[in-house]
Amino acid sequence: MIKVPLTVRGAELLKQELHHLKTVERPNVIQAIAEARAQGDLSENAEYDAAKERQGFIEGRIAELEGKISNAQIIDPTAIDADGRIVFGATVELEDLESGAVVTYQIVGEDEADLKVSKISVSSPISRALIGKFAGDVAEVQAPGGLREYEVLDVQYI
């Protein structure tokens, strides 16, 4: 079975979503199905069809989350001792050598990745190029727009 890497925060968010689906969304959709059934003929009942479709989505998502949580390899970035090497969970500060722009990213699991909050997936091209590097190293990233070079300015485990 394949382990799914997650940070402690990412695992907590998945558990919260699972709890919400089980305690709020599932009972709501069951009630909506019951109300739609009470209206009579199910063959032409759009509310019933919509509620059943929503139920299928919720049950599928619950199964997906339970699978990810049970296969999770939870990694606490603050407990990592990688001697300054970039690893899963590390927060890195990079300088784009072409533009001089400085960016900071945390390398996280696929389900946690959100560029708006500077979290990039461990399987992204930039993460793959950074893994194993140290502060001062230059990483070459094959981006959609061509080859980009980033200098690693800092590596933190926060």
N, C-alpha and C. Protein backbone atom coordinates (compact mmCIF):
# COMPACT_ATOMS: atom_id res chain seq x y z
N MET A 1 0.83 -1.18 0.00
CA MET A 1 0.00 0.00 0.00
C MET A 1 0.88 1.25 0.00
N ILE A 2 0.54 2.22 -0.80
CA ILE A 2 1.33 3.44 -0.95
C ILE A 2 1.01 4.40 0.20
N LYS A 3 2.05 4.87 0.87
CA LYS A 3 1.88 5.84 1.94
C LYS A 3 1.70 7.22 1.34
N VAL A 4 0.78 8.01 1.91
CA VAL A 4 0.51 9.36 1.46
C VAL A 4 1.19 10.32 2.44
N PRO A 5 2.21 11.07 1.99
CA PRO A 5 2.87 11.98 2.93
C PRO A 5 1.98 13.18 3.23
N LEU A 6 1.86 13.50 4.51
CA LEU A 6 1.08 14.66 4.96
C LEU A 6 1.81 15.33 6.11
N THR A 7 1.69 16.64 6.18
CA THR A 7 2.18 17.33 7.36
C THR A 7 1.14 17.14 8.46
N VAL A 8 1.50 17.45 9.68
CA VAL A 8 0.56 17.33 10.80
C VAL A 8 -0.67 18.19 10.53
N ARG A 9 -0.45 19.41 10.05
CA ARG A 9 -1.56 20.33 9.75
C ARG A 9 -2.45 19.77 8.64
N GLY A 10 -1.86 19.21 7.60
CA GLY A 10 -2.62 18.63 6.50
C GLY A 10 -3.48 17.47 6.96
N ALA A 11 -2.94 16.62 7.81
CA ALA A 11 -3.71 15.49 8.34
C ALA A 11 -4.88 15.98 9.17
N GLU A 12 -4.65 17.01 9.95
CA GLU A 12 -5.72 17.58 10.78
C GLU A 12 -6.84 18.15 9.90
N LEU A 13 -6.48 18.82 8.81
CA LEU A 13 -7.50 19.37 7.91
C LEU A 13 -8.33 18.27 7.26
N LEU A 14 -7.68 17.17 6.87
CA LEU A 14 -8.43 16.05 6.29
C LEU A 14 -9.37 15.43 7.31
N LYS A 15 -8.92 15.31 8.56
CA LYS A 15 -9.77 14.75 9.61
C LYS A 15 -10.96 15.66 9.89
N GLN A 16 -10.74 16.98 9.86
CA GLN A 16 -11.83 17.92 10.05
C GLN A 16 -12.86 17.81 8.93
N GLU A 17 -12.38 17.72 7.69
CA GLU A 17 -13.30 17.58 6.56
C GLU A 17 -14.10 16.29 6.67
N LEU A 18 -13.44 15.19 7.04
CA LEU A 18 -14.12 13.91 7.20
C LEU A 18 -15.19 14.00 8.28
N HIS A 19 -14.87 14.61 9.40
CA HIS A 19 -15.82 14.77 10.49
C HIS A 19 -17.03 15.59 10.03
N HIS A 20 -16.77 16.67 9.30
CA HIS A 20 -17.86 17.53 8.80
C HIS A 20 -18.77 16.75 7.84
N LEU A 21 -18.17 15.99 6.95
CA LEU A 21 -18.97 15.20 6.00
C LEU A 21 -19.85 14.19 6.72
N LYS A 22 -19.29 13.53 7.73
CA LYS A 22 -20.03 12.49 8.45
C LYS A 22 -21.10 13.04 9.38
N THR A 23 -20.82 14.18 10.02
CA THR A 23 -21.75 14.69 11.03
C THR A 23 -22.72 15.76 10.52
N VAL A 24 -22.39 16.41 9.42
CA VAL A 24 -23.25 17.48 8.91
C VAL A 24 -23.82 17.14 7.53
N GLU A 25 -22.94 16.91 6.57
CA GLU A 25 -23.38 16.72 5.19
C GLU A 25 -24.17 15.43 4.99
N ARG A 26 -23.69 14.31 5.55
CA ARG A 26 -24.39 13.04 5.38
C ARG A 26 -25.80 13.09 5.96
N PRO A 27 -26.00 13.57 7.21
CA PRO A 27 -27.38 13.65 7.73
C PRO A 27 -28.27 14.60 6.92
N ASN A 28 -27.69 15.70 6.42
CA ASN A 28 -28.47 16.65 5.61
C ASN A 28 -28.97 16.01 4.33
N VAL A 29 -28.12 15.25 3.66
CA VAL A 29 -28.53 14.64 2.39
C VAL A 29 -29.53 13.50 2.64
N ILE A 30 -29.38 12.80 3.74
CA ILE A 30 -30.35 11.75 4.07
C ILE A 30 -31.72 12.37 4.31
N GLN A 31 -31.75 13.50 4.98
CA GLN A 31 -33.02 14.20 5.22
C GLN A 31 -33.60 14.71 3.90
N ALA A 32 -32.76 15.22 3.01
CA ALA A 32 -33.24 15.72 1.71
C ALA A 32 -33.84 14.58 0.88
N ILE A 33 -33.22 13.40 0.94
CA ILE A 33 -33.76 12.23 0.22
C ILE A 33 -35.11 11.84 0.79
N ALA A 34 -35.21 11.84 2.11
CA ALA A 34 -36.48 11.48 2.76
C ALA A 34 -37.59 12.46 2.39
N GLU A 35 -37.27 13.75 2.35
CA GLU A 35 -38.26 14.77 1.97
C GLU A 35 -38.68 14.61 0.51
N ALA A 36 -37.73 14.31 -0.35
CA ALA A 36 -38.04 14.13 -1.77
C ALA A 36 -38.90 12.89 -1.98
N ARG A 37 -38.62 11.82 -1.22
CA ARG A 37 -39.43 10.59 -1.32
C ARG A 37 -40.87 10.85 -0.90
N ALA A 38 -41.04 11.72 0.08
CA ALA A 38 -42.38 12.02 0.60
C ALA A 38 -43.24 12.75 -0.44
N GLN A 39 -42.61 13.30 -1.45
CA GLN A 39 -43.36 14.03 -2.48
C GLN A 39 -44.03 13.10 -3.48
N GLY A 40 -43.73 11.82 -3.42
CA GLY A 40 -44.43 10.87 -4.29
C GLY A 40 -43.55 10.32 -5.39
N ASP A 41 -44.06 10.36 -6.64
CA ASP A 41 -43.44 9.74 -7.80
C ASP A 41 -41.96 10.10 -7.93
N LEU A 42 -41.09 9.09 -7.78
CA LEU A 42 -39.64 9.32 -7.83
C LEU A 42 -39.09 9.38 -9.25
N SER A 43 -39.86 8.89 -10.22
CA SER A 43 -39.35 8.83 -11.60
C SER A 43 -39.17 10.21 -12.21
N GLU A 44 -39.92 11.19 -11.77
CA GLU A 44 -39.81 12.54 -12.31
C GLU A 44 -39.52 13.55 -11.21
N ASN A 45 -38.80 13.12 -10.19
CA ASN A 45 -38.55 13.98 -9.04
C ASN A 45 -37.09 14.46 -9.10
N ALA A 46 -36.91 15.70 -9.54
CA ALA A 46 -35.57 16.27 -9.70
C ALA A 46 -34.86 16.43 -8.35
N GLU A 47 -35.62 16.77 -7.30
CA GLU A 47 -35.02 16.93 -5.98
C GLU A 47 -34.44 15.61 -5.49
N TYR A 48 -35.16 14.52 -5.75
CA TYR A 48 -34.70 13.20 -5.33
C TYR A 48 -33.41 12.83 -6.09
N ASP A 49 -33.42 13.05 -7.39
CA ASP A 49 -32.24 12.74 -8.21
C ASP A 49 -31.03 13.56 -7.75
N ALA A 50 -31.24 14.85 -7.48
CA ALA A 50 -30.14 15.72 -7.04
C ALA A 50 -29.62 15.27 -5.68
N ALA A 51 -30.53 14.90 -4.77
CA ALA A 51 -30.10 14.46 -3.44
C ALA A 51 -29.34 13.14 -3.52
N LYS A 52 -29.77 12.22 -4.37
CA LYS A 52 -29.08 10.94 -4.52
C LYS A 52 -27.69 11.17 -5.13
N GLU A 53 -27.60 12.09 -6.08
CA GLU A 53 -26.30 12.39 -6.68
C GLU A 53 -25.37 13.00 -5.64
N ARG A 54 -25.89 13.91 -4.83
CA ARG A 54 -25.10 14.54 -3.77
C ARG A 54 -24.66 13.48 -2.76
N GLN A 55 -25.54 12.54 -2.44
CA GLN A 55 -25.20 11.47 -1.51
C GLN A 55 -24.04 10.63 -2.06
N GLY A 56 -24.08 10.34 -3.34
CA GLY A 56 -23.00 9.58 -3.97
C GLY A 56 -21.68 10.31 -3.89
N PHE A 57 -21.72 11.62 -4.11
CA PHE A 57 -20.50 12.43 -4.01
C PHE A 57 -19.96 12.41 -2.58
N ILE A 58 -20.84 12.62 -1.60
CA ILE A 58 -20.42 12.66 -0.19
C ILE A 58 -19.83 11.33 0.24
N GLU A 59 -20.50 10.23 -0.11
CA GLU A 59 -20.01 8.91 0.29
C GLU A 59 -18.67 8.60 -0.39
N GLY A 60 -18.52 9.02 -1.64
CA GLY A 60 -17.24 8.83 -2.33
C GLY A 60 -16.12 9.62 -1.68
N ARG A 61 -16.41 10.84 -1.29
CA ARG A 61 -15.40 11.68 -0.65
C ARG A 61 -15.03 11.13 0.74
N ILE A 62 -16.03 10.63 1.47
CA ILE A 62 -15.77 10.02 2.77
C ILE A 62 -14.82 8.83 2.60
N ALA A 63 -15.11 7.98 1.63
CA ALA A 63 -14.26 6.81 1.39
C ALA A 63 -12.85 7.24 0.99
N GLU A 64 -12.74 8.26 0.15
CA GLU A 64 -11.44 8.76 -0.28
C GLU A 64 -10.64 9.29 0.91
N LEU A 65 -11.29 10.10 1.76
CA LEU A 65 -10.60 10.67 2.92
C LEU A 65 -10.18 9.58 3.91
N GLU A 66 -11.06 8.62 4.15
CA GLU A 66 -10.71 7.53 5.07
C GLU A 66 -9.50 6.75 4.55
N GLY A 67 -9.46 6.53 3.23
CA GLY A 67 -8.32 5.84 2.64
C GLY A 67 -7.03 6.62 2.78
N LYS A 68 -7.09 7.93 2.53
CA LYS A 68 -5.90 8.77 2.64
C LYS A 68 -5.41 8.85 4.08
N ILE A 69 -6.34 8.99 5.01
CA ILE A 69 -5.95 9.08 6.41
C ILE A 69 -5.35 7.77 6.90
N SER A 70 -5.95 6.65 6.48
CA SER A 70 -5.42 5.36 6.93
C SER A 70 -4.05 5.05 6.31
N ASN A 71 -3.76 5.62 5.15
CA ASN A 71 -2.47 5.40 4.49
C ASN A 71 -1.50 6.56 4.70
N ALA A 72 -1.86 7.50 5.56
CA ALA A 72 -1.04 8.69 5.75
C ALA A 72 0.25 8.39 6.48
N GLN A 73 1.29 9.02 6.00
CA GLN A 73 2.57 9.04 6.71
C GLN A 73 2.69 10.48 7.19
N ILE A 74 2.34 10.72 8.45
CA ILE A 74 2.29 12.07 8.98
C ILE A 74 3.69 12.50 9.41
N ILE A 75 4.11 13.63 8.85
CA ILE A 75 5.46 14.13 9.08
C ILE A 75 5.36 15.50 9.75
N ASP A 76 6.03 15.64 10.86
CA ASP A 76 6.06 16.91 11.58
C ASP A 76 7.32 17.67 11.16
N PRO A 77 7.15 18.76 10.40
CA PRO A 77 8.33 19.49 9.92
C PRO A 77 9.23 20.00 11.05
N THR A 78 8.65 20.30 12.21
CA THR A 78 9.46 20.82 13.31
C THR A 78 10.34 19.74 13.93
N ALA A 79 10.04 18.47 13.68
CA ALA A 79 10.82 17.37 14.26
C ALA A 79 11.87 16.83 13.28
N ILE A 80 11.95 17.45 12.11
CA ILE A 80 12.89 16.97 11.09
C ILE A 80 14.30 17.46 11.42
N ASP A 81 15.26 16.57 11.30
CA ASP A 81 16.66 16.94 11.47
C ASP A 81 17.38 16.52 10.18
N ALA A 82 17.32 17.40 9.17
CA ALA A 82 17.89 17.07 7.87
C ALA A 82 19.17 17.86 7.60
N ASP A 83 19.72 18.49 8.64
CA ASP A 83 20.98 19.23 8.52
C ASP A 83 20.96 20.27 7.41
N GLY A 84 19.84 20.96 7.25
CA GLY A 84 19.75 22.02 6.25
C GLY A 84 19.40 21.56 4.85
N ARG A 85 19.19 20.27 4.66
CA ARG A 85 18.82 19.74 3.35
C ARG A 85 17.31 19.93 3.14
N ILE A 86 16.90 20.18 1.91
CA ILE A 86 15.48 20.34 1.60
C ILE A 86 14.84 18.95 1.53
N VAL A 87 13.83 18.76 2.36
CA VAL A 87 13.07 17.51 2.43
C VAL A 87 11.59 17.85 2.51
N PHE A 88 10.75 16.81 2.48
CA PHE A 88 9.31 17.02 2.63
C PHE A 88 9.04 17.79 3.93
N GLY A 89 8.19 18.79 3.84
CA GLY A 89 7.82 19.59 5.01
C GLY A 89 8.67 20.82 5.20
N ALA A 90 9.80 20.91 4.52
CA ALA A 90 10.70 22.06 4.68
C ALA A 90 10.08 23.30 4.06
N THR A 91 10.40 24.44 4.65
CA THR A 91 10.02 25.73 4.10
C THR A 91 11.28 26.33 3.51
N VAL A 92 11.21 26.68 2.23
CA VAL A 92 12.39 27.16 1.52
C VAL A 92 12.18 28.57 0.99
N GLU A 93 13.24 29.36 1.06
CA GLU A 93 13.24 30.69 0.48
C GLU A 93 14.11 30.64 -0.75
N LEU A 94 13.56 31.06 -1.89
CA LEU A 94 14.25 30.95 -3.17
C LEU A 94 14.35 32.30 -3.84
N GLU A 95 15.41 32.46 -4.63
CA GLU A 95 15.53 33.64 -5.47
C GLU A 95 15.57 33.19 -6.92
N ASP A 96 14.66 33.73 -7.72
CA ASP A 96 14.67 33.47 -9.15
C ASP A 96 15.86 34.22 -9.73
N LEU A 97 16.84 33.49 -10.28
CA LEU A 97 18.07 34.12 -10.75
C LEU A 97 17.86 35.03 -11.96
N GLU A 98 16.77 34.82 -12.69
CA GLU A 98 16.50 35.65 -13.86
C GLU A 98 15.85 36.98 -13.47
N SER A 99 14.81 36.90 -12.62
CA SER A 99 14.07 38.11 -12.28
C SER A 99 14.50 38.73 -10.95
N GLY A 100 15.17 37.96 -10.10
CA GLY A 100 15.58 38.46 -8.80
C GLY A 100 14.47 38.38 -7.75
N ALA A 101 13.30 37.87 -8.15
CA ALA A 101 12.17 37.75 -7.23
C ALA A 101 12.47 36.70 -6.16
N VAL A 102 12.10 37.01 -4.92
CA VAL A 102 12.30 36.08 -3.81
C VAL A 102 10.94 35.52 -3.40
N VAL A 103 10.87 34.20 -3.31
CA VAL A 103 9.62 33.54 -2.93
C VAL A 103 9.91 32.53 -1.81
N THR A 104 8.88 32.22 -1.04
CA THR A 104 9.00 31.23 0.02
C THR A 104 7.91 30.20 -0.17
N TYR A 105 8.28 28.92 -0.13
CA TYR A 105 7.34 27.82 -0.29
C TYR A 105 7.56 26.79 0.80
N GLN A 106 6.47 26.10 1.16
CA GLN A 106 6.60 24.91 1.99
C GLN A 106 6.26 23.72 1.12
N ILE A 107 7.06 22.67 1.20
CA ILE A 107 6.83 21.46 0.41
C ILE A 107 5.91 20.55 1.21
N VAL A 108 4.71 20.29 0.65
CA VAL A 108 3.68 19.53 1.37
C VAL A 108 3.12 18.42 0.48
N GLY A 109 2.19 17.65 1.02
CA GLY A 109 1.54 16.59 0.27
C GLY A 109 0.58 17.13 -0.77
N GLU A 110 0.18 16.27 -1.69
CA GLU A 110 -0.69 16.67 -2.79
C GLU A 110 -1.99 17.32 -2.31
N ASP A 111 -2.59 16.79 -1.25
CA ASP A 111 -3.87 17.30 -0.77
C ASP A 111 -3.75 18.64 -0.07
N GLU A 112 -2.56 18.99 0.36
CA GLU A 112 -2.35 20.24 1.08
C GLU A 112 -1.91 21.37 0.18
N ALA A 113 -1.44 21.05 -1.01
CA ALA A 113 -0.85 22.05 -1.90
C ALA A 113 -1.85 23.17 -2.20
N ASP A 114 -1.39 24.40 -2.03
CA ASP A 114 -2.20 25.58 -2.33
C ASP A 114 -1.23 26.74 -2.55
N LEU A 115 -1.04 27.09 -3.80
CA LEU A 115 -0.06 28.12 -4.15
C LEU A 115 -0.41 29.47 -3.53
N LYS A 116 -1.70 29.72 -3.28
CA LYS A 116 -2.12 31.00 -2.69
C LYS A 116 -1.52 31.19 -1.30
N VAL A 117 -1.26 30.08 -0.60
CA VAL A 117 -0.66 30.17 0.73
C VAL A 117 0.76 29.61 0.73
N SER A 118 1.39 29.61 -0.44
CA SER A 118 2.79 29.21 -0.62
C SER A 118 3.09 27.78 -0.21
N LYS A 119 2.16 26.87 -0.47
CA LYS A 119 2.38 25.45 -0.21
C LYS A 119 2.38 24.73 -1.56
N ILE A 120 3.50 24.08 -1.87
CA ILE A 120 3.62 23.39 -3.15
C ILE A 120 3.71 21.89 -2.93
N SER A 121 3.16 21.15 -3.87
CA SER A 121 3.12 19.69 -3.79
C SER A 121 4.52 19.10 -3.93
N VAL A 122 4.76 18.06 -3.16
CA VAL A 122 6.04 17.36 -3.20
C VAL A 122 6.30 16.76 -4.59
N SER A 123 5.25 16.56 -5.37
CA SER A 123 5.42 15.98 -6.70
C SER A 123 5.50 17.03 -7.81
N SER A 124 5.45 18.32 -7.45
CA SER A 124 5.55 19.37 -8.46
C SER A 124 6.98 19.44 -9.01
N PRO A 125 7.14 19.96 -10.22
CA PRO A 125 8.49 20.05 -10.81
C PRO A 125 9.48 20.84 -9.93
N ILE A 126 9.01 21.93 -9.33
CA ILE A 126 9.92 22.73 -8.51
C ILE A 126 10.35 21.96 -7.26
N SER A 127 9.41 21.25 -6.64
CA SER A 127 9.76 20.45 -5.45
C SER A 127 10.75 19.36 -5.80
N ARG A 128 10.49 18.67 -6.89
CA ARG A 128 11.40 17.59 -7.30
C ARG A 128 12.80 18.12 -7.55
N ALA A 129 12.90 19.34 -8.09
CA ALA A 129 14.22 19.93 -8.35
C ALA A 129 14.90 20.37 -7.06
N LEU A 130 14.10 20.71 -6.03
CA LEU A 130 14.66 21.23 -4.79
C LEU A 130 15.07 20.15 -3.79
N ILE A 131 14.36 19.02 -3.78
CA ILE A 131 14.62 17.97 -2.79
C ILE A 131 16.10 17.58 -2.81
N GLY A 132 16.71 17.60 -1.63
CA GLY A 132 18.11 17.23 -1.49
C GLY A 132 19.08 18.40 -1.56
N LYS A 133 18.60 19.58 -1.96
CA LYS A 133 19.49 20.74 -2.07
C LYS A 133 19.68 21.40 -0.70
N PHE A 134 20.71 22.22 -0.60
CA PHE A 134 21.03 22.97 0.62
C PHE A 134 20.99 24.46 0.31
N ALA A 135 20.99 25.31 1.35
CA ALA A 135 21.08 26.76 1.16
C ALA A 135 22.36 27.05 0.39
N GLY A 136 22.26 27.92 -0.62
CA GLY A 136 23.40 28.25 -1.47
C GLY A 136 23.43 27.49 -2.78
N ASP A 137 22.70 26.36 -2.84
CA ASP A 137 22.64 25.59 -4.07
C ASP A 137 21.73 26.26 -5.09
N VAL A 138 21.94 25.94 -6.35
CA VAL A 138 21.08 26.42 -7.43
C VAL A 138 20.32 25.22 -7.99
N ALA A 139 19.00 25.39 -8.10
CA ALA A 139 18.14 24.33 -8.64
C ALA A 139 17.63 24.74 -9.99
N GLU A 140 17.74 23.84 -10.96
CA GLU A 140 17.19 24.08 -12.30
C GLU A 140 15.84 23.40 -12.39
N VAL A 141 14.82 24.19 -12.75
CA VAL A 141 13.45 23.69 -12.81
C VAL A 141 12.96 23.79 -14.25
N GLN A 142 12.50 22.67 -14.78
CA GLN A 142 11.92 22.68 -16.12
C GLN A 142 10.45 23.08 -15.96
N ALA A 143 10.18 24.37 -16.17
CA ALA A 143 8.84 24.92 -16.04
C ALA A 143 8.17 24.95 -17.41
N PRO A 144 6.86 25.12 -17.45
CA PRO A 144 6.17 25.19 -18.75
C PRO A 144 6.72 26.29 -19.66
N GLY A 145 7.21 27.37 -19.05
CA GLY A 145 7.76 28.48 -19.83
C GLY A 145 9.23 28.31 -20.16
N GLY A 146 9.82 27.18 -19.82
CA GLY A 146 11.23 26.95 -20.10
C GLY A 146 12.02 26.70 -18.82
N LEU A 147 13.32 26.59 -18.96
CA LEU A 147 14.20 26.30 -17.84
C LEU A 147 14.34 27.53 -16.93
N ARG A 148 14.11 27.34 -15.62
CA ARG A 148 14.24 28.42 -14.65
C ARG A 148 15.29 27.98 -13.63
N GLU A 149 16.04 28.95 -13.12
CA GLU A 149 17.04 28.65 -12.11
C GLU A 149 16.70 29.42 -10.84
N TYR A 150 16.75 28.70 -9.71
CA TYR A 150 16.46 29.29 -8.41
C TYR A 150 17.64 29.02 -7.48
N GLU A 151 18.06 30.04 -6.76
CA GLU A 151 19.07 29.84 -5.73
C GLU A 151 18.34 29.65 -4.40
N VAL A 152 18.75 28.65 -3.66
CA VAL A 152 18.16 28.39 -2.35
C VAL A 152 18.81 29.34 -1.35
N LEU A 153 18.01 30.25 -0.79
CA LEU A 153 18.53 31.22 0.16
C LEU A 153 18.49 30.69 1.59
N ASP A 154 17.40 29.95 1.92
CA ASP A 154 17.23 29.50 3.31
C ASP A 154 16.36 28.25 3.32
N VAL A 155 16.62 27.38 4.29
CA VAL A 155 15.82 26.17 4.49
C VAL A 155 15.44 26.14 5.96
N GLN A 156 14.14 26.04 6.23
CA GLN A 156 13.65 25.99 7.61
C GLN A 156 12.70 24.81 7.78
N TYR A 157 12.60 24.35 9.00
CA TYR A 157 11.69 23.25 9.33
C TYR A 157 10.71 23.78 10.36
N ILE A 158 9.68 24.47 9.87
CA ILE A 158 8.70 25.12 10.78
C ILE A 158 7.31 24.56 10.59
